[in-house]
C-alpha atoms as a PDB file:
ATOM      1  CA  MET A   1     126.076 120.506  89.413  1.00  0.00           C
ATOM      2  CA  THR A   2     124.390 118.150  87.004  1.00  0.00           C
ATOM      3  CA  SER A   3     120.675 117.511  87.262  1.00  0.00           C
ATOM      4  CA  PRO A   4     119.556 114.014  88.281  1.00  0.00           C
ATOM      5  CA  PRO A   5     118.371 111.893  85.351  1.00  0.00           C
ATOM      6  CA  ARG A   6     114.681 112.214  84.597  1.00  0.00           C
ATOM      7  CA  THR A   7     112.601 109.071  84.564  1.00  0.00           C
ATOM      8  CA  LYS A   8     110.031 108.395  81.869  1.00  0.00           C
ATOM      9  CA  TYR A   9     107.240 108.265  84.428  1.00  0.00           C
ATOM     10  CA  PRO A  10     108.274 110.614  87.265  1.00  0.00           C
ATOM     11  CA  LEU A  11     104.940 110.613  89.115  1.00  0.00           C
ATOM     12  CA  VAL A  12     104.755 106.822  89.003  1.00  0.00           C
ATOM     13  CA  GLY A  13     108.206 106.709  90.593  1.00  0.00           C
ATOM     14  CA  GLU A  14     107.174 109.144  93.305  1.00  0.00           C
ATOM     15  CA  LEU A  15     104.041 107.152  94.098  1.00  0.00           C
ATOM     16  CA  SER A  16     105.990 103.916  94.144  1.00  0.00           C
ATOM     17  CA  ALA A  17     108.398 105.488  96.619  1.00  0.00           C
ATOM     18  CA  GLU A  18     105.559 106.719  98.837  1.00  0.00           C
ATOM     19  CA  PHE A  19     103.926 103.281  98.715  1.00  0.00           C
ATOM     20  CA  LEU A  20     107.098 101.390  99.636  1.00  0.00           C
ATOM     21  CA  GLY A  21     108.334 103.945 102.175  1.00  0.00           C
ATOM     22  CA  THR A  22     104.992 103.930 103.999  1.00  0.00           C
ATOM     23  CA  ALA A  23     104.918 100.132 103.847  1.00  0.00           C
ATOM     24  CA  ILE A  24     108.333  99.936 105.509  1.00  0.00           C
ATOM     25  CA  LEU A  25     107.109 102.324 108.211  1.00  0.00           C
ATOM     26  CA  ILE A  26     104.102 100.090 108.945  1.00  0.00           C
ATOM     27  CA  LEU A  27     106.062  96.838 108.813  1.00  0.00           C
ATOM     28  CA  PHE A  28     108.280  98.151 111.590  1.00  0.00           C
ATOM     29  CA  GLY A  29     105.537  99.972 113.495  1.00  0.00           C
ATOM     30  CA  CYS A  30     102.684  97.468 113.483  1.00  0.00           C
ATOM     31  CA  GLY A  31     105.251  94.684 113.664  1.00  0.00           C
ATOM     32  CA  VAL A  32     106.736  95.937 116.915  1.00  0.00           C
ATOM     33  CA  VAL A  33     103.283  96.414 118.463  1.00  0.00           C
ATOM     34  CA  ALA A  34     102.338  92.875 117.434  1.00  0.00           C
ATOM     35  CA  GLN A  35     105.492  91.580 119.100  1.00  0.00           C
ATOM     36  CA  VAL A  36     104.759  93.476 122.304  1.00  0.00           C
ATOM     37  CA  VAL A  37     101.063  92.568 122.444  1.00  0.00           C
ATOM     38  CA  ALA A  38     101.225  88.967 121.265  1.00  0.00           C
ATOM     39  CA  GLY A  39     104.864  87.948 121.371  1.00  0.00           C
ATOM     40  CA  GLY A  40     105.004  87.137 125.077  1.00  0.00           C
ATOM     41  CA  PHE A  41     102.178  84.579 125.038  1.00  0.00           C
ATOM     42  CA  PRO A  42     101.988  82.247 126.842  1.00  0.00           C
ATOM     43  CA  ASP A  43     105.384  81.598 128.415  1.00  0.00           C
ATOM     44  CA  SER A  44     107.935  83.020 126.027  1.00  0.00           C
ATOM     45  CA  VAL A  45     110.236  85.924 126.751  1.00  0.00           C
ATOM     46  CA  SER A  46     108.359  89.219 126.894  1.00  0.00           C
ATOM     47  CA  GLY A  47     107.964  90.855 123.517  1.00  0.00           C
ATOM     48  CA  GLY A  48     108.827  94.310 124.863  1.00  0.00           C
ATOM     49  CA  ASP A  49     107.157  97.394 126.298  1.00  0.00           C
ATOM     50  CA  HIS A  50     106.191 100.954 125.427  1.00  0.00           C
ATOM     51  CA  ASN A  51     109.823 101.911 124.859  1.00  0.00           C
ATOM     52  CA  SER A  52     110.111  99.095 122.325  1.00  0.00           C
ATOM     53  CA  ILE A  53     107.073 100.488 120.520  1.00  0.00           C
ATOM     54  CA  ALA A  54     108.395 104.053 120.476  1.00  0.00           C
ATOM     55  CA  TRP A  55     111.772 102.964 119.118  1.00  0.00           C
ATOM     56  CA  GLY A  56     110.224 100.566 116.616  1.00  0.00           C
ATOM     57  CA  TRP A  57     108.037 103.283 115.130  1.00  0.00           C
ATOM     58  CA  GLY A  58     110.924 105.745 115.098  1.00  0.00           C
ATOM     59  CA  LEU A  59     113.232 103.324 113.310  1.00  0.00           C
ATOM     60  CA  GLY A  60     110.410 102.521 110.898  1.00  0.00           C
ATOM     61  CA  VAL A  61     110.155 106.195 109.994  1.00  0.00           C
ATOM     62  CA  THR A  62     113.918 106.427 109.513  1.00  0.00           C
ATOM     63  CA  MET A  63     114.045 103.408 107.217  1.00  0.00           C
ATOM     64  CA  GLY A  64     110.969 104.563 105.297  1.00  0.00           C
ATOM     65  CA  VAL A  65     112.531 107.975 104.692  1.00  0.00           C
ATOM     66  CA  PHE A  66     115.761 106.364 103.484  1.00  0.00           C
ATOM     67  CA  VAL A  67     113.734 104.204 101.065  1.00  0.00           C
ATOM     68  CA  ALA A  68     111.563 106.967  99.615  1.00  0.00           C
ATOM     69  CA  GLY A  69     113.504 110.178 100.148  1.00  0.00           C
ATOM     70  CA  ARG A  70     115.272 110.538  96.814  1.00  0.00           C
ATOM     71  CA  LEU A  71     112.234 109.988  94.604  1.00  0.00           C
ATOM     72  CA  SER A  72     109.292 111.481  96.490  1.00  0.00           C
ATOM     73  CA  GLY A  73     110.714 113.433  99.404  1.00  0.00           C
ATOM     74  CA  ALA A  74     109.394 110.699 101.728  1.00  0.00           C
ATOM     75  CA  HIS A  75     106.247 112.370 103.022  1.00  0.00           C
ATOM     76  CA  LEU A  76     104.821 108.987 104.162  1.00  0.00           C
ATOM     77  CA  ASN A  77     102.013 110.911 105.832  1.00  0.00           C
ATOM     78  CA  PRO A  78      99.026 112.800 104.366  1.00  0.00           C
ATOM     79  CA  ALA A  79      99.364 115.460 107.084  1.00  0.00           C
ATOM     80  CA  VAL A  80     102.902 116.201 105.900  1.00  0.00           C
ATOM     81  CA  THR A  81     101.794 116.228 102.262  1.00  0.00           C
ATOM     82  CA  VAL A  82      99.026 118.743 102.994  1.00  0.00           C
ATOM     83  CA  ALA A  83     101.347 120.975 105.013  1.00  0.00           C
ATOM     84  CA  LEU A  84     103.929 120.945 102.210  1.00  0.00           C
ATOM     85  CA  ALA A  85     101.266 121.764  99.635  1.00  0.00           C
ATOM     86  CA  VAL A  86      99.936 124.707 101.667  1.00  0.00           C
ATOM     87  CA  PHE A  87     103.211 126.181 102.894  1.00  0.00           C
ATOM     88  CA  LYS A  88     106.062 124.854 100.758  1.00  0.00           C
ATOM     89  CA  GLY A  89     104.809 124.870  97.195  1.00  0.00           C
ATOM     90  CA  PHE A  90     104.356 121.132  96.780  1.00  0.00           C
ATOM     91  CA  ASP A  91     102.364 120.512  93.589  1.00  0.00           C
ATOM     92  CA  ARG A  92      98.733 120.343  94.710  1.00  0.00           C
ATOM     93  CA  ARG A  93      97.841 118.112  91.775  1.00  0.00           C
ATOM     94  CA  LYS A  94      99.927 115.395  93.439  1.00  0.00           C
ATOM     95  CA  VAL A  95      98.264 115.597  96.844  1.00  0.00           C
ATOM     96  CA  PHE A  96      95.545 113.000  96.281  1.00  0.00           C
ATOM     97  CA  PRO A  97      97.796 110.592  94.338  1.00  0.00           C
ATOM     98  CA  TYR A  98     100.256 110.780  97.247  1.00  0.00           C
ATOM     99  CA  PHE A  99      97.384 110.096  99.657  1.00  0.00           C
ATOM    100  CA  GLY A 100      96.441 107.020  97.655  1.00  0.00           C
ATOM    101  CA  ALA A 101      99.988 105.664  97.623  1.00  0.00           C
ATOM    102  CA  GLN A 102     100.434 106.270 101.356  1.00  0.00           C
ATOM    103  CA  PHE A 103      97.149 104.615 102.330  1.00  0.00           C
ATOM    104  CA  ALA A 104      97.790 101.687  99.980  1.00  0.00           C
ATOM    105  CA  GLY A 105     101.293 101.127 101.373  1.00  0.00           C
ATOM    106  CA  ALA A 106      99.995 101.183 104.936  1.00  0.00           C
ATOM    107  CA  PHE A 107      97.119  98.827 104.069  1.00  0.00           C
ATOM    108  CA  VAL A 108      99.277  96.224 102.311  1.00  0.00           C
ATOM    109  CA  ALA A 109     101.950  96.293 105.014  1.00  0.00           C
ATOM    110  CA  ALA A 110      99.312  95.828 107.729  1.00  0.00           C
ATOM    111  CA  LEU A 111      97.933  92.795 105.880  1.00  0.00           C
ATOM    112  CA  ILE A 112     101.446  91.332 105.904  1.00  0.00           C
ATOM    113  CA  VAL A 113     101.738  91.883 109.664  1.00  0.00           C
ATOM    114  CA  ARG A 114      98.274  90.418 110.159  1.00  0.00           C
ATOM    115  CA  PHE A 115      99.216  87.288 108.196  1.00  0.00           C
ATOM    116  CA  VAL A 116     102.671  86.716 109.676  1.00  0.00           C
ATOM    117  CA  TYR A 117     101.523  87.276 113.274  1.00  0.00           C
ATOM    118  CA  ALA A 118      98.201  85.433 112.799  1.00  0.00           C
ATOM    119  CA  ASP A 119      99.148  82.453 114.977  1.00  0.00           C
ATOM    120  CA  GLN A 120     100.280  84.495 117.949  1.00  0.00           C
ATOM    121  CA  ILE A 121      97.368  86.915 117.672  1.00  0.00           C
ATOM    122  CA  ALA A 122      94.940  83.984 117.601  1.00  0.00           C
ATOM    123  CA  ALA A 123      96.614  82.476 120.668  1.00  0.00           C
ATOM    124  CA  VAL A 124      96.211  85.692 122.646  1.00  0.00           C
ATOM    125  CA  ASP A 125      92.865  86.840 121.253  1.00  0.00           C
ATOM    126  CA  PRO A 126      91.090  84.141 119.196  1.00  0.00           C
ATOM    127  CA  ASP A 127      87.999  86.302 118.710  1.00  0.00           C
ATOM    128  CA  PHE A 128      90.001  89.264 117.380  1.00  0.00           C
ATOM    129  CA  THR A 129      88.594  91.748 119.846  1.00  0.00           C
ATOM    130  CA  ARG A 130      89.565  95.196 120.970  1.00  0.00           C
ATOM    131  CA  ALA A 131      92.195  93.592 123.204  1.00  0.00           C
ATOM    132  CA  THR A 132      94.581  93.294 120.246  1.00  0.00           C
ATOM    133  CA  GLN A 133      93.136  95.938 117.930  1.00  0.00           C
ATOM    134  CA  GLY A 134      95.905  98.275 119.065  1.00  0.00           C
ATOM    135  CA  ILE A 135      98.361  96.255 116.987  1.00  0.00           C
ATOM    136  CA  PHE A 136      96.914  97.953 113.934  1.00  0.00           C
ATOM    137  CA  SER A 137      95.280 101.234 114.899  1.00  0.00           C
ATOM    138  CA  THR A 138      95.089 103.764 117.675  1.00  0.00           C
ATOM    139  CA  SER A 139      92.451 104.479 120.275  1.00  0.00           C
ATOM    140  CA  PRO A 140      92.017 106.851 123.242  1.00  0.00           C
ATOM    141  CA  GLY A 141      93.275 105.609 126.583  1.00  0.00           C
ATOM    142  CA  ALA A 142      90.885 104.626 129.340  1.00  0.00           C
ATOM    143  CA  GLY A 143      89.063 107.703 130.591  1.00  0.00           C
ATOM    144  CA  VAL A 144      90.316 109.925 127.758  1.00  0.00           C
ATOM    145  CA  SER A 145      87.555 111.902 126.049  1.00  0.00           C
ATOM    146  CA  ILE A 146      87.193 112.322 122.303  1.00  0.00           C
ATOM    147  CA  MET A 147      87.911 116.037 122.699  1.00  0.00           C
ATOM    148  CA  THR A 148      91.153 115.314 124.536  1.00  0.00           C
ATOM    149  CA  ALA A 149      92.162 112.701 121.953  1.00  0.00           C
ATOM    150  CA  PHE A 150      91.505 115.201 119.149  1.00  0.00           C
ATOM    151  CA  ALA A 151      93.591 117.886 120.855  1.00  0.00           C
ATOM    152  CA  ASP A 152      96.346 115.353 121.519  1.00  0.00           C
ATOM    153  CA  GLN A 153      96.572 114.440 117.841  1.00  0.00           C
ATOM    154  CA  VAL A 154      96.618 118.072 116.779  1.00  0.00           C
ATOM    155  CA  VAL A 155      99.481 118.839 119.163  1.00  0.00           C
ATOM    156  CA  GLY A 156     101.495 115.726 118.300  1.00  0.00           C
ATOM    157  CA  THR A 157     101.211 116.281 114.549  1.00  0.00           C
ATOM    158  CA  ALA A 158     101.997 119.983 114.901  1.00  0.00           C
ATOM    159  CA  ILE A 159     105.234 119.065 116.687  1.00  0.00           C
ATOM    160  CA  LEU A 160     106.039 116.577 113.937  1.00  0.00           C
ATOM    161  CA  VAL A 161     105.583 119.102 111.122  1.00  0.00           C
ATOM    162  CA  ILE A 162     107.355 121.973 112.893  1.00  0.00           C
ATOM    163  CA  VAL A 163     110.467 119.862 113.372  1.00  0.00           C
ATOM    164  CA  ILE A 164     110.341 118.343 109.874  1.00  0.00           C
ATOM    165  CA  PHE A 165     110.179 121.848 108.413  1.00  0.00           C
ATOM    166  CA  ALA A 166     113.058 122.930 110.637  1.00  0.00           C
ATOM    167  CA  VAL A 167     115.225 119.933 109.775  1.00  0.00           C
ATOM    168  CA  THR A 168     114.694 120.315 106.023  1.00  0.00           C
ATOM    169  CA  ASN A 169     115.058 124.114 105.823  1.00  0.00           C
ATOM    170  CA  ALA A 170     118.312 124.934 104.024  1.00  0.00           C
ATOM    171  CA  VAL A 171     119.026 128.096 106.024  1.00  0.00           C
ATOM    172  CA  ASN A 172     117.964 126.878 109.464  1.00  0.00           C
ATOM    173  CA  ASN A 173     121.203 125.027 110.332  1.00  0.00           C
ATOM    174  CA  PRO A 174     119.775 121.650 109.254  1.00  0.00           C
ATOM    175  CA  PRO A 175     121.619 118.363 109.786  1.00  0.00           C
ATOM    176  CA  LEU A 176     123.555 116.926 106.888  1.00  0.00           C
ATOM    177  CA  ALA A 177     121.249 115.437 104.270  1.00  0.00           C
ATOM    178  CA  ASN A 178     122.115 111.846 105.178  1.00  0.00           C
ATOM    179  CA  MET A 179     121.287 112.576 108.826  1.00  0.00           C
ATOM    180  CA  ALA A 180     117.796 113.986 108.250  1.00  0.00           C
ATOM    181  CA  PRO A 181     116.040 110.574 108.218  1.00  0.00           C
ATOM    182  CA  LEU A 182     117.673 109.660 111.517  1.00  0.00           C
ATOM    183  CA  ILE A 183     116.712 112.963 113.123  1.00  0.00           C
ATOM    184  CA  ILE A 184     113.110 112.565 111.960  1.00  0.00           C
ATOM    185  CA  GLY A 185     113.115 109.035 113.379  1.00  0.00           C
ATOM    186  CA  PHE A 186     114.327 110.377 116.729  1.00  0.00           C
ATOM    187  CA  LEU A 187     111.549 112.949 116.518  1.00  0.00           C
ATOM    188  CA  VAL A 188     108.933 110.203 116.242  1.00  0.00           C
ATOM    189  CA  VAL A 189     110.527 108.335 119.156  1.00  0.00           C
ATOM    190  CA  GLY A 190     110.269 111.501 121.229  1.00  0.00           C
ATOM    191  CA  ILE A 191     106.644 112.079 120.288  1.00  0.00           C
ATOM    192  CA  GLY A 192     105.856 108.486 121.212  1.00  0.00           C
ATOM    193  CA  MET A 193     107.484 108.861 124.608  1.00  0.00           C
ATOM    194  CA  ALA A 194     105.920 112.252 125.367  1.00  0.00           C
ATOM    195  CA  TRP A 195     102.545 112.044 123.618  1.00  0.00           C
ATOM    196  CA  GLY A 196     101.707 108.352 123.458  1.00  0.00           C
ATOM    197  CA  THR A 197      99.332 107.787 126.337  1.00  0.00           C
ATOM    198  CA  ASN A 198      96.244 109.832 125.436  1.00  0.00           C
ATOM    199  CA  ALA A 199      95.509 108.457 121.991  1.00  0.00           C
ATOM    200  CA  GLY A 200      98.383 106.312 120.757  1.00  0.00           C
ATOM    201  CA  TYR A 201     100.146 109.051 118.720  1.00  0.00           C
ATOM    202  CA  ALA A 202      98.848 108.163 115.262  1.00  0.00           C
ATOM    203  CA  ILE A 203      99.976 111.603 113.925  1.00  0.00           C
ATOM    204  CA  ASN A 204      99.451 110.141 110.445  1.00  0.00           C
ATOM    205  CA  PRO A 205      96.096 109.389 108.773  1.00  0.00           C
ATOM    206  CA  ALA A 206      97.581 106.700 106.492  1.00  0.00           C
ATOM    207  CA  ARG A 207      99.363 104.984 109.360  1.00  0.00           C
ATOM    208  CA  ASP A 208      96.077 104.641 111.232  1.00  0.00           C
ATOM    209  CA  PHE A 209      93.356 104.094 108.646  1.00  0.00           C
ATOM    210  CA  GLY A 210      95.246 101.751 106.310  1.00  0.00           C
ATOM    211  CA  PRO A 211      95.961  99.193 109.064  1.00  0.00           C
ATOM    212  CA  ARG A 212      92.543  99.807 110.633  1.00  0.00           C
ATOM    213  CA  LEU A 213      90.864  98.879 107.361  1.00  0.00           C
ATOM    214  CA  ALA A 214      93.124  95.841 106.960  1.00  0.00           C
ATOM    215  CA  SER A 215      92.208  94.615 110.452  1.00  0.00           C
ATOM    216  CA  TRP A 216      88.495  95.222 109.866  1.00  0.00           C
ATOM    217  CA  LEU A 217      88.601  93.157 106.684  1.00  0.00           C
ATOM    218  CA  THR A 218      90.384  90.303 108.477  1.00  0.00           C
ATOM    219  CA  GLY A 219      88.119  89.750 111.449  1.00  0.00           C
ATOM    220  CA  TYR A 220      88.252  92.777 113.746  1.00  0.00           C
ATOM    221  CA  GLY A 221      84.586  93.729 113.683  1.00  0.00           C
ATOM    222  CA  ASP A 222      85.012  96.654 116.099  1.00  0.00           C
ATOM    223  CA  ALA A 223      88.008  98.141 114.302  1.00  0.00           C
ATOM    224  CA  MET A 224      86.258 101.402 113.453  1.00  0.00           C
ATOM    225  CA  TYR A 225      85.342 102.056 117.086  1.00  0.00           C
ATOM    226  CA  SER A 226      87.266 103.179 120.136  1.00  0.00           C
ATOM    227  CA  ALA A 227      88.815 100.295 122.063  1.00  0.00           C
ATOM    228  CA  ASN A 228      87.665 101.924 125.307  1.00  0.00           C
ATOM    229  CA  GLY A 229      84.141 103.046 124.502  1.00  0.00           C
ATOM    230  CA  PRO A 230      81.253 102.933 122.082  1.00  0.00           C
ATOM    231  CA  GLU A 231      82.342 105.922 119.988  1.00  0.00           C
ATOM    232  CA  LEU A 232      82.937 105.620 116.253  1.00  0.00           C
ATOM    233  CA  TYR A 233      86.597 106.606 116.223  1.00  0.00           C
ATOM    234  CA  PHE A 234      88.198 105.936 112.819  1.00  0.00           C
ATOM    235  CA  TRP A 235      87.680 109.533 111.652  1.00  0.00           C
ATOM    236  CA  LEU A 236      89.633 111.188 114.451  1.00  0.00           C
ATOM    237  CA  PRO A 237      93.169 109.991 113.520  1.00  0.00           C
ATOM    238  CA  ILE A 238      92.421 111.181 109.985  1.00  0.00           C
ATOM    239  CA  ILE A 239      91.044 114.661 110.643  1.00  0.00           C
ATOM    240  CA  ALA A 240      93.033 115.719 113.716  1.00  0.00           C
ATOM    241  CA  PRO A 241      96.490 115.063 112.181  1.00  0.00           C
ATOM    242  CA  LEU A 242      95.518 117.021 109.062  1.00  0.00           C
ATOM    243  CA  VAL A 243      94.570 119.950 111.297  1.00  0.00           C
ATOM    244  CA  GLY A 244      97.724 119.534 113.356  1.00  0.00           C
ATOM    245  CA  GLY A 245      99.923 119.488 110.269  1.00  0.00           C
ATOM    246  CA  LEU A 246      98.493 122.818 109.136  1.00  0.00           C
ATOM    247  CA  VAL A 247      98.948 124.280 112.613  1.00  0.00           C
ATOM    248  CA  GLY A 248     102.560 123.099 112.774  1.00  0.00           C
ATOM    249  CA  GLY A 249     103.349 124.340 109.291  1.00  0.00           C
ATOM    250  CA  ALA A 250     101.891 127.763 110.033  1.00  0.00           C
ATOM    251  CA  LEU A 251     103.783 128.053 113.314  1.00  0.00           C
ATOM    252  CA  PHE A 252     107.105 127.313 111.626  1.00  0.00           C
ATOM    253  CA  VAL A 253     106.548 129.472 108.552  1.00  0.00           C
ATOM    254  CA  PHE A 254     105.267 132.516 110.461  1.00  0.00           C
ATOM    255  CA  GLY A 255     107.194 132.034 113.680  1.00  0.00           C
ATOM    256  CA  ILE A 256     110.627 131.016 112.373  1.00  0.00           C
ATOM    257  CA  GLU A 257     111.031 130.954 108.614  1.00  0.00           C
ATOM    258  CA  ARG A 258     109.895 134.513 107.961  1.00  0.00           C
ATOM    259  CA  TYR A 259     112.743 135.759 110.172  1.00  0.00           C
ATOM    260  CA  LEU A 260     115.502 133.642 108.626  1.00  0.00           C
ATOM    261  CA  PRO A 261     118.004 135.428 106.361  1.00  0.00           C
ATOM    262  CA  ALA A 262     117.766 134.804 102.644  1.00  0.00           C
ATOM    263  CA  ALA A 263     119.915 131.947 101.388  1.00  0.00           C
ATOM    264  CA  VAL A 264     121.894 134.255  99.074  1.00  0.00           C
ATOM    265  CA  GLU A 265     123.015 136.287 102.090  1.00  0.00           C
ATOM    266  CA  ARG A 266     124.814 133.286 103.627  1.00  0.00           C
ATOM    267  CA  PRO A 267     126.615 131.421 100.804  1.00  0.00           C
ATOM    268  CA  HIS A 268     129.625 130.786 103.058  1.00  0.00           C
ATOM    269  CA  GLU A 269     127.381 128.944 105.533  1.00  0.00           C
ATOM    270  CA  ILE A 270     125.302 126.720 103.246  1.00  0.00           C
ATOM    271  CA  GLY A 271     127.565 126.279 100.233  1.00  0.00           C
ATOM    272  CA  VAL A 272     127.771 128.328  97.062  1.00  0.00           C
ATOM    273  CA  SER A 273     126.017 125.800  94.845  1.00  0.00           C
ATOM    274  CA  GLU A 274     123.119 125.382  97.265  1.00  0.00           C
ATOM    275  CA  ALA A 275     122.761 129.142  97.651  1.00  0.00           C
ATOM    276  CA  THR A 276     122.705 129.606  93.877  1.00  0.00           C
ATOM    277  CA  GLU A 277     120.048 126.944  93.430  1.00  0.00           C
ATOM    278  CA  LEU A 278     117.871 128.447  96.162  1.00  0.00           C
ATOM    279  CA  ALA A 279     118.253 131.938  94.727  1.00  0.00           C
ATOM    280  CA  ASP A 280     117.181 130.720  91.295  1.00  0.00           C
ATOM    281  CA  SER A 281     114.188 128.774  92.592  1.00  0.00           C
END
């Protein structure tokens, strides 16, 4: 097998991929929420429902992974980047540059959604209140405590990372390479359907804070607070997913991966060239 051509500025290419992949994710994700929240006003056909939101976010993840996968590995999520750095040997010098690219992509994409949907948002919520803040960022549901929201985000992100590690592990019967983005998109749909009600399933610090900051800068004065209480909330969808990613990575590595056979013991199952590369790595 020949090695892929090296670019003159490899890190710049990786960061560009993370920026654009995360932007695609947010354009689909915040876009579908904007359609659901504002698209049915006042008499037009309903913009959708929770299922629309779950599928929109899932398809956004799929398309973002297709965009960024070859260059950067398509982390698109600081929690995934941290988990890969701790458990999978991802270069720790790249962690903060990846963070920057992910947050910037999410921020710019949210500004685009905010601009394009400005008329319909203003028609529904001219004062830009908490009623439409959910277009851009997450918040605990009515009656849900901060502790419960934190636990919810840890669990949801742990599920995300466990399955990502499983899908991308070469000796864990993964899907074909061109199917991995679709499987990860289905994963996000499933998390949205199973873990969406407590806290909006941010499961991604960049996905939440980038759009939250964009909305705050464009008129949403309460953007940093919970939509259902007085609590300062912006920190929770940053910290809890980072914790959840580490929990999920540890569970996979110590609960599954350590018991998998070595790649060189199964060349007939994963392909001789792949086994050779893994053995030499």
